[in-house]
Amino acid sequence: MGKPACKLVVCGAVTVGKTSMLEQILYGNHTIGKSETFPTIEDIYEATVETNRGLKERVRFYDTKGLDSQSNPELPKHFYNIADGMILVYSIASVETFRFVEKIKREVDRLREKEKREIPIVIIGNKADLHQEREVDFEKASKWAKKEKIPLYEVTVANRKGLMEPIVSLVSKLTPPPAKSPFPLSVRNFKTRQLQSFSTDV
């Protein structure tokens, strides 16, 4: 297996559904409403993602342990060091989970100032189907994300295509197109090899 083009750290509070999102994106086999869940310690997934330029890039996802104010209030520092990009997840049904997203963003800003290093981010508000339980106002969250210059998406695990959109957007940003060669080659005699991957066309 080749070296991944980029490494994405997926983080957020406990019970926001990070693992369910990843499994639905990568495998499409998550059962909506499944009652039995297990807390994530740390998992690593790899997949081939088709960018919005039609290129296939290998991506490594780090599914981190859920944060909580008592036993695990901070994202371990090494995740900031390995991340090429970050996916910050909250539940629209919990204001507290959004506060963890704000906290992680402040830490990313601090590292940017200290180490002069940019870490592109997308924000995902999961469980968008729980309308009656909403605690995080979409307009307020969007206003904050716009001020921070971060794209924000609301998703539900039931909509696999909607889940893929922020991933494809982030990977496309992290993998710029290759430089054009001054000696272009004809590709008429080459056949495209089919790779196992996912794209937004589902």
N, C-alpha and C. Protein backbone atom coordinates (compact mmCIF):
# COMPACT_ATOMS: atom_id res chain seq x y z
N MET A 1 0.84 -1.19 0.00
CA MET A 1 0.00 0.00 0.00
C MET A 1 0.88 1.24 0.00
N GLY A 2 0.60 2.18 -0.90
CA GLY A 2 1.44 3.35 -1.03
C GLY A 2 1.23 4.35 0.09
N LYS A 3 2.12 5.32 0.12
CA LYS A 3 2.04 6.38 1.12
C LYS A 3 0.80 7.23 0.87
N PRO A 4 0.03 7.56 1.92
CA PRO A 4 -1.17 8.36 1.70
C PRO A 4 -0.83 9.77 1.25
N ALA A 5 -1.68 10.34 0.41
CA ALA A 5 -1.47 11.70 -0.05
C ALA A 5 -1.70 12.70 1.07
N CYS A 6 -2.60 12.37 2.00
CA CYS A 6 -2.84 13.26 3.14
C CYS A 6 -3.40 12.48 4.31
N LYS A 7 -3.22 13.04 5.50
CA LYS A 7 -3.68 12.43 6.75
C LYS A 7 -4.69 13.37 7.40
N LEU A 8 -5.89 12.84 7.63
CA LEU A 8 -6.97 13.64 8.20
C LEU A 8 -7.29 13.14 9.60
N VAL A 9 -7.30 14.05 10.56
CA VAL A 9 -7.65 13.73 11.94
C VAL A 9 -9.11 14.11 12.16
N VAL A 10 -9.90 13.12 12.59
CA VAL A 10 -11.34 13.32 12.83
C VAL A 10 -11.55 13.38 14.33
N CYS A 11 -12.07 14.49 14.83
CA CYS A 11 -12.16 14.65 16.28
C CYS A 11 -13.43 15.40 16.68
N GLY A 12 -13.77 15.23 17.96
CA GLY A 12 -14.96 15.86 18.51
C GLY A 12 -15.31 15.20 19.83
N ALA A 13 -16.41 15.62 20.42
CA ALA A 13 -16.83 15.10 21.71
C ALA A 13 -17.38 13.68 21.57
N VAL A 14 -17.53 13.01 22.70
CA VAL A 14 -18.12 11.67 22.71
C VAL A 14 -19.55 11.74 22.17
N THR A 15 -19.97 10.67 21.53
CA THR A 15 -21.34 10.46 21.02
C THR A 15 -21.75 11.37 19.87
N VAL A 16 -20.81 12.07 19.24
CA VAL A 16 -21.21 12.90 18.10
C VAL A 16 -21.36 12.08 16.82
N GLY A 17 -20.85 10.83 16.82
CA GLY A 17 -21.04 9.97 15.67
C GLY A 17 -19.90 9.96 14.68
N LYS A 18 -18.68 10.23 15.13
CA LYS A 18 -17.52 10.25 14.23
C LYS A 18 -17.32 8.91 13.53
N THR A 19 -17.33 7.83 14.31
CA THR A 19 -17.08 6.50 13.75
C THR A 19 -18.20 6.08 12.82
N SER A 20 -19.44 6.35 13.19
CA SER A 20 -20.58 6.02 12.33
C SER A 20 -20.47 6.73 10.98
N MET A 21 -20.04 8.00 11.01
CA MET A 21 -19.86 8.75 9.78
C MET A 21 -18.80 8.10 8.90
N LEU A 22 -17.65 7.79 9.50
CA LEU A 22 -16.56 7.21 8.71
C LEU A 22 -16.95 5.86 8.12
N GLU A 23 -17.61 5.03 8.91
CA GLU A 23 -17.99 3.71 8.41
C GLU A 23 -19.02 3.82 7.29
N GLN A 24 -19.91 4.79 7.39
CA GLN A 24 -20.88 4.98 6.32
C GLN A 24 -20.21 5.51 5.06
N ILE A 25 -19.27 6.43 5.21
CA ILE A 25 -18.55 6.98 4.07
C ILE A 25 -17.74 5.90 3.36
N LEU A 26 -16.98 5.13 4.14
CA LEU A 26 -16.04 4.19 3.56
C LEU A 26 -16.69 2.89 3.10
N TYR A 27 -17.66 2.41 3.87
CA TYR A 27 -18.23 1.09 3.59
C TYR A 27 -19.71 1.13 3.23
N GLY A 28 -20.41 2.19 3.61
CA GLY A 28 -21.83 2.27 3.32
C GLY A 28 -22.66 1.23 4.04
N ASN A 29 -22.17 0.74 5.19
CA ASN A 29 -22.86 -0.36 5.86
C ASN A 29 -23.34 -0.01 7.27
N HIS A 30 -23.37 1.28 7.61
CA HIS A 30 -23.83 1.63 8.95
C HIS A 30 -25.34 1.54 9.02
N THR A 31 -25.83 0.91 10.05
CA THR A 31 -27.27 0.76 10.25
C THR A 31 -27.80 1.93 11.06
N ILE A 32 -28.70 2.70 10.46
CA ILE A 32 -29.28 3.85 11.14
C ILE A 32 -30.08 3.38 12.35
N GLY A 33 -29.83 4.04 13.51
CA GLY A 33 -30.57 3.70 14.71
C GLY A 33 -30.03 2.50 15.45
N LYS A 34 -28.86 2.02 15.05
CA LYS A 34 -28.25 0.90 15.77
C LYS A 34 -28.03 1.29 17.23
N SER A 35 -28.56 0.47 18.13
CA SER A 35 -28.56 0.83 19.55
C SER A 35 -27.23 0.55 20.23
N GLU A 36 -26.52 -0.46 19.78
CA GLU A 36 -25.28 -0.85 20.46
C GLU A 36 -24.09 -0.12 19.86
N THR A 37 -23.44 0.70 20.67
CA THR A 37 -22.26 1.42 20.22
C THR A 37 -21.13 1.21 21.23
N PHE A 38 -19.89 1.40 20.75
CA PHE A 38 -18.73 1.22 21.59
C PHE A 38 -17.85 2.46 21.50
N PRO A 39 -17.32 2.95 22.62
CA PRO A 39 -16.48 4.14 22.57
C PRO A 39 -15.19 3.89 21.79
N THR A 40 -14.81 4.87 20.98
CA THR A 40 -13.59 4.76 20.19
C THR A 40 -12.38 5.09 21.05
N ILE A 41 -11.36 4.25 20.97
CA ILE A 41 -10.06 4.57 21.59
C ILE A 41 -9.22 5.30 20.55
N GLU A 42 -8.94 4.67 19.46
CA GLU A 42 -8.31 5.28 18.30
C GLU A 42 -8.30 4.25 17.18
N ASP A 43 -8.80 4.63 16.03
CA ASP A 43 -8.80 3.75 14.87
C ASP A 43 -8.21 4.50 13.69
N ILE A 44 -7.66 3.72 12.76
CA ILE A 44 -7.10 4.30 11.54
C ILE A 44 -7.75 3.62 10.35
N TYR A 45 -8.21 4.42 9.41
CA TYR A 45 -8.82 3.92 8.19
C TYR A 45 -8.04 4.48 6.99
N GLU A 46 -7.99 3.72 5.92
CA GLU A 46 -7.43 4.23 4.68
C GLU A 46 -8.41 4.01 3.54
N ALA A 47 -8.48 4.96 2.64
CA ALA A 47 -9.40 4.87 1.51
C ALA A 47 -8.87 5.68 0.35
N THR A 48 -9.36 5.38 -0.83
CA THR A 48 -9.05 6.17 -2.01
C THR A 48 -10.21 7.12 -2.27
N VAL A 49 -9.92 8.41 -2.26
CA VAL A 49 -10.94 9.43 -2.41
C VAL A 49 -10.79 10.09 -3.77
N GLU A 50 -11.88 10.21 -4.48
CA GLU A 50 -11.87 10.92 -5.76
C GLU A 50 -12.10 12.40 -5.50
N THR A 51 -11.16 13.25 -5.90
CA THR A 51 -11.27 14.68 -5.65
C THR A 51 -12.23 15.32 -6.65
N ASN A 52 -12.50 16.60 -6.45
CA ASN A 52 -13.39 17.29 -7.38
C ASN A 52 -12.74 17.58 -8.72
N ARG A 53 -11.47 17.18 -8.87
CA ARG A 53 -10.80 17.27 -10.18
C ARG A 53 -10.78 15.92 -10.88
N GLY A 54 -11.40 14.92 -10.25
CA GLY A 54 -11.44 13.60 -10.85
C GLY A 54 -10.22 12.75 -10.59
N LEU A 55 -9.30 13.22 -9.73
CA LEU A 55 -8.10 12.46 -9.38
C LEU A 55 -8.38 11.59 -8.16
N LYS A 56 -7.77 10.43 -8.11
CA LYS A 56 -7.94 9.52 -6.98
C LYS A 56 -6.73 9.64 -6.06
N GLU A 57 -6.98 9.95 -4.80
CA GLU A 57 -5.92 10.16 -3.82
C GLU A 57 -6.13 9.22 -2.63
N ARG A 58 -5.03 8.63 -2.14
CA ARG A 58 -5.12 7.76 -0.97
C ARG A 58 -5.06 8.63 0.29
N VAL A 59 -6.02 8.39 1.18
CA VAL A 59 -6.17 9.22 2.38
C VAL A 59 -6.20 8.33 3.61
N ARG A 60 -5.53 8.78 4.66
CA ARG A 60 -5.54 8.07 5.94
C ARG A 60 -6.36 8.91 6.93
N PHE A 61 -7.37 8.26 7.54
CA PHE A 61 -8.23 8.91 8.52
C PHE A 61 -7.86 8.42 9.93
N TYR A 62 -7.66 9.35 10.85
CA TYR A 62 -7.43 9.01 12.25
C TYR A 62 -8.70 9.32 13.03
N ASP A 63 -9.39 8.27 13.46
CA ASP A 63 -10.62 8.41 14.23
C ASP A 63 -10.22 8.46 15.71
N THR A 64 -10.32 9.63 16.33
CA THR A 64 -9.79 9.83 17.68
C THR A 64 -10.82 9.52 18.75
N LYS A 65 -10.33 9.34 19.97
CA LYS A 65 -11.19 9.11 21.12
C LYS A 65 -12.04 10.34 21.38
N GLY A 66 -13.33 10.12 21.66
CA GLY A 66 -14.23 11.23 21.92
C GLY A 66 -13.83 12.04 23.15
N LEU A 67 -13.96 13.36 23.05
CA LEU A 67 -13.59 14.24 24.16
C LEU A 67 -14.76 14.41 25.13
N ASP A 68 -14.44 14.53 26.40
CA ASP A 68 -15.45 14.88 27.40
C ASP A 68 -14.78 15.71 28.48
N SER A 69 -15.57 16.48 29.20
CA SER A 69 -15.02 17.46 30.14
C SER A 69 -14.38 16.83 31.36
N GLN A 70 -14.65 15.55 31.63
CA GLN A 70 -14.13 14.91 32.83
C GLN A 70 -12.86 14.10 32.57
N SER A 71 -12.97 13.04 31.77
CA SER A 71 -11.86 12.10 31.64
C SER A 71 -10.94 12.38 30.44
N ASN A 72 -11.43 13.10 29.45
CA ASN A 72 -10.62 13.30 28.25
C ASN A 72 -10.93 14.67 27.63
N PRO A 73 -10.53 15.75 28.31
CA PRO A 73 -10.94 17.09 27.87
C PRO A 73 -10.11 17.68 26.72
N GLU A 74 -8.94 17.09 26.44
CA GLU A 74 -8.04 17.66 25.44
C GLU A 74 -7.70 16.65 24.35
N LEU A 75 -7.62 17.12 23.10
CA LEU A 75 -7.11 16.28 22.03
C LEU A 75 -5.61 16.14 22.20
N PRO A 76 -5.07 14.90 22.22
CA PRO A 76 -3.63 14.72 22.39
C PRO A 76 -2.82 15.50 21.36
N LYS A 77 -1.71 16.10 21.81
CA LYS A 77 -0.94 17.01 20.98
C LYS A 77 -0.40 16.36 19.71
N HIS A 78 -0.10 15.05 19.75
CA HIS A 78 0.52 14.45 18.58
C HIS A 78 -0.41 14.44 17.37
N PHE A 79 -1.72 14.53 17.61
CA PHE A 79 -2.64 14.56 16.47
C PHE A 79 -2.49 15.87 15.68
N TYR A 80 -2.21 16.95 16.38
CA TYR A 80 -1.98 18.22 15.67
C TYR A 80 -0.72 18.12 14.81
N ASN A 81 0.26 17.36 15.29
CA ASN A 81 1.53 17.26 14.57
C ASN A 81 1.42 16.42 13.31
N ILE A 82 0.58 15.37 13.35
CA ILE A 82 0.50 14.48 12.18
C ILE A 82 -0.56 14.93 11.17
N ALA A 83 -1.43 15.86 11.59
CA ALA A 83 -2.57 16.21 10.73
C ALA A 83 -2.16 17.08 9.55
N ASP A 84 -2.56 16.65 8.35
CA ASP A 84 -2.51 17.54 7.19
C ASP A 84 -3.79 18.37 7.13
N GLY A 85 -4.87 17.79 7.64
CA GLY A 85 -6.16 18.47 7.72
C GLY A 85 -6.96 17.90 8.87
N MET A 86 -7.99 18.62 9.32
CA MET A 86 -8.78 18.17 10.45
C MET A 86 -10.27 18.27 10.13
N ILE A 87 -11.01 17.27 10.61
CA ILE A 87 -12.46 17.26 10.50
C ILE A 87 -13.01 17.35 11.91
N LEU A 88 -13.62 18.48 12.25
CA LEU A 88 -14.14 18.70 13.60
C LEU A 88 -15.65 18.45 13.58
N VAL A 89 -16.08 17.51 14.42
CA VAL A 89 -17.47 17.05 14.38
C VAL A 89 -18.19 17.43 15.67
N TYR A 90 -19.41 17.92 15.53
CA TYR A 90 -20.28 18.14 16.68
C TYR A 90 -21.66 17.59 16.36
N SER A 91 -22.50 17.47 17.36
CA SER A 91 -23.88 17.06 17.18
C SER A 91 -24.77 18.30 17.26
N ILE A 92 -25.69 18.45 16.31
CA ILE A 92 -26.58 19.61 16.36
C ILE A 92 -27.49 19.55 17.59
N ALA A 93 -27.55 18.37 18.22
CA ALA A 93 -28.42 18.19 19.39
C ALA A 93 -27.70 18.46 20.70
N SER A 94 -26.49 19.02 20.64
CA SER A 94 -25.73 19.26 21.87
C SER A 94 -24.83 20.48 21.72
N VAL A 95 -25.15 21.55 22.46
CA VAL A 95 -24.31 22.75 22.45
C VAL A 95 -22.93 22.45 23.00
N GLU A 96 -22.86 21.59 23.99
CA GLU A 96 -21.56 21.25 24.59
C GLU A 96 -20.59 20.69 23.56
N THR A 97 -21.08 19.88 22.63
CA THR A 97 -20.19 19.29 21.62
C THR A 97 -19.66 20.37 20.67
N PHE A 98 -20.46 21.41 20.45
CA PHE A 98 -19.99 22.52 19.61
C PHE A 98 -18.89 23.29 20.32
N ARG A 99 -18.98 23.39 21.63
CA ARG A 99 -17.93 24.10 22.38
C ARG A 99 -16.58 23.40 22.26
N PHE A 100 -16.61 22.06 22.16
CA PHE A 100 -15.35 21.34 21.95
C PHE A 100 -14.75 21.69 20.59
N VAL A 101 -15.59 21.85 19.59
CA VAL A 101 -15.12 22.26 18.26
C VAL A 101 -14.45 23.62 18.34
N GLU A 102 -15.08 24.56 19.04
CA GLU A 102 -14.48 25.90 19.20
C GLU A 102 -13.14 25.81 19.92
N LYS A 103 -13.06 24.94 20.91
CA LYS A 103 -11.83 24.77 21.69
C LYS A 103 -10.70 24.23 20.83
N ILE A 104 -10.99 23.22 20.01
CA ILE A 104 -9.97 22.66 19.13
C ILE A 104 -9.51 23.70 18.11
N LYS A 105 -10.45 24.47 17.59
CA LYS A 105 -10.09 25.52 16.62
C LYS A 105 -9.15 26.53 17.25
N ARG A 106 -9.37 26.90 18.51
CA ARG A 106 -8.47 27.84 19.18
C ARG A 106 -7.07 27.26 19.31
N GLU A 107 -6.97 25.95 19.58
CA GLU A 107 -5.67 25.31 19.68
C GLU A 107 -4.96 25.29 18.32
N VAL A 108 -5.71 25.05 17.26
CA VAL A 108 -5.12 25.09 15.91
C VAL A 108 -4.58 26.50 15.62
N ASP A 109 -5.33 27.52 16.00
CA ASP A 109 -4.88 28.90 15.80
C ASP A 109 -3.61 29.18 16.58
N ARG A 110 -3.56 28.66 17.79
CA ARG A 110 -2.37 28.87 18.62
C ARG A 110 -1.13 28.23 17.97
N LEU A 111 -1.29 27.03 17.46
CA LEU A 111 -0.19 26.34 16.80
C LEU A 111 0.23 27.05 15.52
N ARG A 112 -0.75 27.61 14.82
CA ARG A 112 -0.43 28.34 13.60
C ARG A 112 0.46 29.54 13.90
N GLU A 113 0.13 30.25 14.98
CA GLU A 113 0.94 31.40 15.35
C GLU A 113 2.32 30.98 15.84
N LYS A 114 2.37 29.87 16.57
CA LYS A 114 3.64 29.42 17.16
C LYS A 114 4.54 28.76 16.13
N GLU A 115 3.98 27.90 15.29
CA GLU A 115 4.79 27.09 14.38
C GLU A 115 4.69 27.53 12.92
N LYS A 116 3.89 28.55 12.65
CA LYS A 116 3.71 29.05 11.29
C LYS A 116 3.27 27.93 10.34
N ARG A 117 2.29 27.16 10.80
CA ARG A 117 1.82 26.01 10.03
C ARG A 117 0.31 26.02 9.91
N GLU A 118 -0.18 25.92 8.69
CA GLU A 118 -1.61 25.91 8.45
C GLU A 118 -2.15 24.48 8.47
N ILE A 119 -3.27 24.29 9.13
CA ILE A 119 -3.98 23.00 9.11
C ILE A 119 -5.39 23.28 8.61
N PRO A 120 -5.69 22.97 7.35
CA PRO A 120 -7.04 23.18 6.84
C PRO A 120 -8.06 22.38 7.64
N ILE A 121 -9.24 22.95 7.82
CA ILE A 121 -10.28 22.37 8.67
C ILE A 121 -11.62 22.41 7.95
N VAL A 122 -12.44 21.39 8.19
CA VAL A 122 -13.88 21.48 7.89
C VAL A 122 -14.63 21.15 9.18
N ILE A 123 -15.79 21.79 9.34
CA ILE A 123 -16.65 21.56 10.49
C ILE A 123 -17.87 20.77 10.01
N ILE A 124 -18.23 19.73 10.76
CA ILE A 124 -19.39 18.92 10.40
C ILE A 124 -20.36 18.88 11.59
N GLY A 125 -21.57 19.35 11.36
CA GLY A 125 -22.64 19.22 12.34
C GLY A 125 -23.43 17.96 12.03
N ASN A 126 -23.21 16.92 12.81
CA ASN A 126 -23.84 15.63 12.56
C ASN A 126 -25.23 15.56 13.22
N LYS A 127 -25.97 14.54 12.83
CA LYS A 127 -27.32 14.26 13.36
C LYS A 127 -28.32 15.35 12.97
N ALA A 128 -28.17 15.82 11.72
CA ALA A 128 -29.05 16.88 11.24
C ALA A 128 -30.50 16.44 11.12
N ASP A 129 -30.75 15.15 11.23
CA ASP A 129 -32.13 14.64 11.18
C ASP A 129 -32.86 14.79 12.51
N LEU A 130 -32.14 15.14 13.57
CA LEU A 130 -32.78 15.27 14.89
C LEU A 130 -33.32 16.70 15.08
N HIS A 131 -34.27 17.07 14.24
CA HIS A 131 -34.76 18.45 14.24
C HIS A 131 -35.34 18.85 15.58
N GLN A 132 -36.11 17.96 16.19
CA GLN A 132 -36.79 18.29 17.43
C GLN A 132 -35.84 18.44 18.62
N GLU A 133 -34.62 17.91 18.47
CA GLU A 133 -33.65 17.94 19.56
C GLU A 133 -32.55 18.97 19.35
N ARG A 134 -32.68 19.79 18.31
CA ARG A 134 -31.61 20.73 17.97
C ARG A 134 -31.32 21.70 19.11
N GLU A 135 -30.03 21.84 19.44
CA GLU A 135 -29.56 22.83 20.41
C GLU A 135 -28.62 23.84 19.77
N VAL A 136 -27.96 23.45 18.67
CA VAL A 136 -27.01 24.34 18.01
C VAL A 136 -27.72 25.01 16.83
N ASP A 137 -27.94 26.31 16.95
CA ASP A 137 -28.62 27.04 15.89
C ASP A 137 -27.73 27.10 14.64
N PHE A 138 -28.30 26.71 13.50
CA PHE A 138 -27.50 26.65 12.27
C PHE A 138 -26.98 28.02 11.86
N GLU A 139 -27.81 29.06 11.99
CA GLU A 139 -27.38 30.40 11.58
C GLU A 139 -26.22 30.90 12.44
N LYS A 140 -26.30 30.65 13.75
CA LYS A 140 -25.22 31.09 14.63
C LYS A 140 -23.93 30.32 14.35
N ALA A 141 -24.06 28.99 14.15
CA ALA A 141 -22.87 28.18 13.84
C ALA A 141 -22.25 28.60 12.52
N SER A 142 -23.09 28.89 11.53
CA SER A 142 -22.60 29.31 10.22
C SER A 142 -21.90 30.67 10.31
N LYS A 143 -22.45 31.56 11.12
CA LYS A 143 -21.84 32.88 11.30
C LYS A 143 -20.46 32.75 11.93
N TRP A 144 -20.35 31.87 12.94
CA TRP A 144 -19.05 31.64 13.57
C TRP A 144 -18.07 31.04 12.57
N ALA A 145 -18.51 30.03 11.80
CA ALA A 145 -17.63 29.38 10.83
C ALA A 145 -17.17 30.37 9.75
N LYS A 146 -18.07 31.24 9.34
CA LYS A 146 -17.71 32.25 8.32
C LYS A 146 -16.65 33.20 8.87
N LYS A 147 -16.82 33.60 10.14
CA LYS A 147 -15.83 34.48 10.77
C LYS A 147 -14.47 33.80 10.86
N GLU A 148 -14.48 32.48 11.12
CA GLU A 148 -13.24 31.72 11.24
C GLU A 148 -12.72 31.26 9.88
N LYS A 149 -13.49 31.52 8.82
CA LYS A 149 -13.12 31.15 7.45
C LYS A 149 -12.97 29.64 7.29
N ILE A 150 -13.97 28.92 7.83
CA ILE A 150 -13.99 27.47 7.78
C ILE A 150 -15.32 27.02 7.17
N PRO A 151 -15.30 26.10 6.22
CA PRO A 151 -16.57 25.58 5.70
C PRO A 151 -17.28 24.72 6.74
N LEU A 152 -18.60 24.87 6.81
CA LEU A 152 -19.42 24.12 7.75
C LEU A 152 -20.51 23.37 7.00
N TYR A 153 -20.69 22.11 7.36
CA TYR A 153 -21.71 21.27 6.74
C TYR A 153 -22.56 20.64 7.83
N GLU A 154 -23.85 20.56 7.59
CA GLU A 154 -24.72 19.75 8.45
C GLU A 154 -25.06 18.47 7.69
N VAL A 155 -24.93 17.34 8.38
CA VAL A 155 -25.10 16.04 7.72
C VAL A 155 -25.89 15.09 8.60
N THR A 156 -26.32 14.01 7.99
CA THR A 156 -26.89 12.88 8.71
C THR A 156 -26.29 11.61 8.12
N VAL A 157 -26.08 10.63 8.97
CA VAL A 157 -25.49 9.36 8.51
C VAL A 157 -26.38 8.68 7.48
N ALA A 158 -27.67 9.04 7.47
CA ALA A 158 -28.59 8.43 6.51
C ALA A 158 -28.29 8.86 5.07
N ASN A 159 -27.58 9.97 4.90
CA ASN A 159 -27.30 10.50 3.56
C ASN A 159 -25.81 10.37 3.27
N ARG A 160 -25.44 9.29 2.63
CA ARG A 160 -24.02 9.01 2.39
C ARG A 160 -23.39 10.06 1.47
N LYS A 161 -24.12 10.48 0.46
CA LYS A 161 -23.56 11.49 -0.45
C LYS A 161 -23.27 12.79 0.28
N GLY A 162 -24.17 13.19 1.18
CA GLY A 162 -23.94 14.39 1.95
C GLY A 162 -22.73 14.27 2.86
N LEU A 163 -22.45 13.08 3.37
CA LEU A 163 -21.28 12.85 4.21
C LEU A 163 -19.99 13.00 3.41
N MET A 164 -20.04 12.58 2.15
CA MET A 164 -18.82 12.60 1.32
C MET A 164 -18.41 14.01 0.92
N GLU A 165 -19.37 14.90 0.79
CA GLU A 165 -19.08 16.24 0.27
C GLU A 165 -17.98 16.96 1.03
N PRO A 166 -18.03 17.08 2.38
CA PRO A 166 -16.94 17.78 3.08
C PRO A 166 -15.60 17.06 2.98
N ILE A 167 -15.62 15.72 2.91
CA ILE A 167 -14.37 14.97 2.78
C ILE A 167 -13.72 15.26 1.44
N VAL A 168 -14.49 15.18 0.38
CA VAL A 168 -13.97 15.44 -0.96
C VAL A 168 -13.45 16.87 -1.06
N SER A 169 -14.18 17.81 -0.47
CA SER A 169 -13.75 19.21 -0.50
C SER A 169 -12.40 19.40 0.19
N LEU A 170 -12.22 18.79 1.37
CA LEU A 170 -10.97 18.94 2.12
C LEU A 170 -9.82 18.25 1.42
N VAL A 171 -10.03 17.03 0.94
CA VAL A 171 -8.96 16.31 0.23
C VAL A 171 -8.56 17.06 -1.04
N SER A 172 -9.53 17.63 -1.74
CA SER A 172 -9.22 18.39 -2.95
C SER A 172 -8.35 19.60 -2.62
N LYS A 173 -8.61 20.24 -1.48
CA LYS A 173 -7.81 21.39 -1.08
C LYS A 173 -6.39 20.98 -0.70
N LEU A 174 -6.24 19.80 -0.10
CA LEU A 174 -4.93 19.34 0.37
C LEU A 174 -4.08 18.72 -0.73
N THR A 175 -4.68 18.38 -1.87
CA THR A 175 -3.94 17.71 -2.95
C THR A 175 -4.05 18.54 -4.21
N PRO A 176 -3.21 19.57 -4.35
CA PRO A 176 -3.28 20.42 -5.54
C PRO A 176 -2.94 19.63 -6.80
N PRO A 177 -3.42 20.10 -7.95
CA PRO A 177 -3.14 19.37 -9.20
C PRO A 177 -1.66 19.35 -9.51
N PRO A 178 -1.15 18.28 -10.15
CA PRO A 178 0.27 18.21 -10.50
C PRO A 178 0.64 19.28 -11.50
N ALA A 179 1.88 19.72 -11.41
CA ALA A 179 2.37 20.73 -12.34
C ALA A 179 2.37 20.18 -13.76
N LYS A 180 2.04 21.03 -14.70
CA LYS A 180 2.02 20.60 -16.10
C LYS A 180 3.44 20.43 -16.63
N SER A 181 3.64 19.35 -17.35
CA SER A 181 4.95 19.08 -17.94
C SER A 181 5.13 19.92 -19.20
N PRO A 182 6.35 20.43 -19.43
CA PRO A 182 6.60 21.18 -20.68
C PRO A 182 6.60 20.26 -21.89
N PHE A 183 6.61 18.92 -21.65
CA PHE A 183 6.59 17.95 -22.73
C PHE A 183 5.38 17.04 -22.56
N PRO A 184 4.18 17.52 -22.91
CA PRO A 184 2.97 16.71 -22.70
C PRO A 184 3.02 15.41 -23.47
N LEU A 185 2.53 14.33 -22.81
CA LEU A 185 2.50 13.01 -23.43
C LEU A 185 1.09 12.69 -23.89
N SER A 186 1.01 11.98 -24.97
CA SER A 186 -0.28 11.51 -25.43
C SER A 186 -0.73 10.36 -24.54
N VAL A 187 -2.00 10.35 -24.16
CA VAL A 187 -2.51 9.28 -23.30
C VAL A 187 -3.48 8.38 -24.06
N ARG A 188 -3.50 8.49 -25.36
CA ARG A 188 -4.46 7.71 -26.13
C ARG A 188 -4.25 6.22 -26.01
N ASN A 189 -3.01 5.80 -25.77
CA ASN A 189 -2.71 4.37 -25.73
C ASN A 189 -2.69 3.80 -24.33
N PHE A 190 -3.10 4.61 -23.34
CA PHE A 190 -3.11 4.14 -21.96
C PHE A 190 -4.53 3.84 -21.53
N LYS A 191 -4.71 2.78 -20.73
CA LYS A 191 -6.01 2.44 -20.17
C LYS A 191 -6.04 2.80 -18.69
N THR A 192 -7.15 3.32 -18.25
CA THR A 192 -7.32 3.68 -16.83
C THR A 192 -7.55 2.43 -16.01
N ARG A 193 -6.78 2.25 -14.94
CA ARG A 193 -6.97 1.12 -14.05
C ARG A 193 -8.03 1.46 -13.03
N GLN A 194 -8.97 0.55 -12.84
CA GLN A 194 -10.06 0.78 -11.91
C GLN A 194 -9.57 0.56 -10.48
N LEU A 195 -9.86 1.54 -9.60
CA LEU A 195 -9.46 1.46 -8.21
C LEU A 195 -10.70 1.48 -7.33
N GLN A 196 -10.61 0.78 -6.20
CA GLN A 196 -11.70 0.83 -5.24
C GLN A 196 -11.66 2.18 -4.56
N SER A 197 -12.74 2.91 -4.65
CA SER A 197 -12.74 4.27 -4.14
C SER A 197 -14.15 4.71 -3.86
N PHE A 198 -14.29 5.96 -3.34
CA PHE A 198 -15.60 6.54 -3.24
C PHE A 198 -15.55 7.94 -3.80
N SER A 199 -16.65 8.40 -4.31
CA SER A 199 -16.77 9.76 -4.80
C SER A 199 -18.15 10.26 -4.40
N THR A 200 -18.49 11.47 -4.83
CA THR A 200 -19.80 12.00 -4.49
C THR A 200 -20.88 11.47 -5.40
N ASP A 201 -20.54 10.68 -6.41
CA ASP A 201 -21.53 10.11 -7.31
C ASP A 201 -22.01 8.78 -6.82
N VAL A 202 -22.96 8.77 -5.90
CA VAL A 202 -23.51 7.54 -5.34
C VAL A 202 -25.01 7.54 -5.51
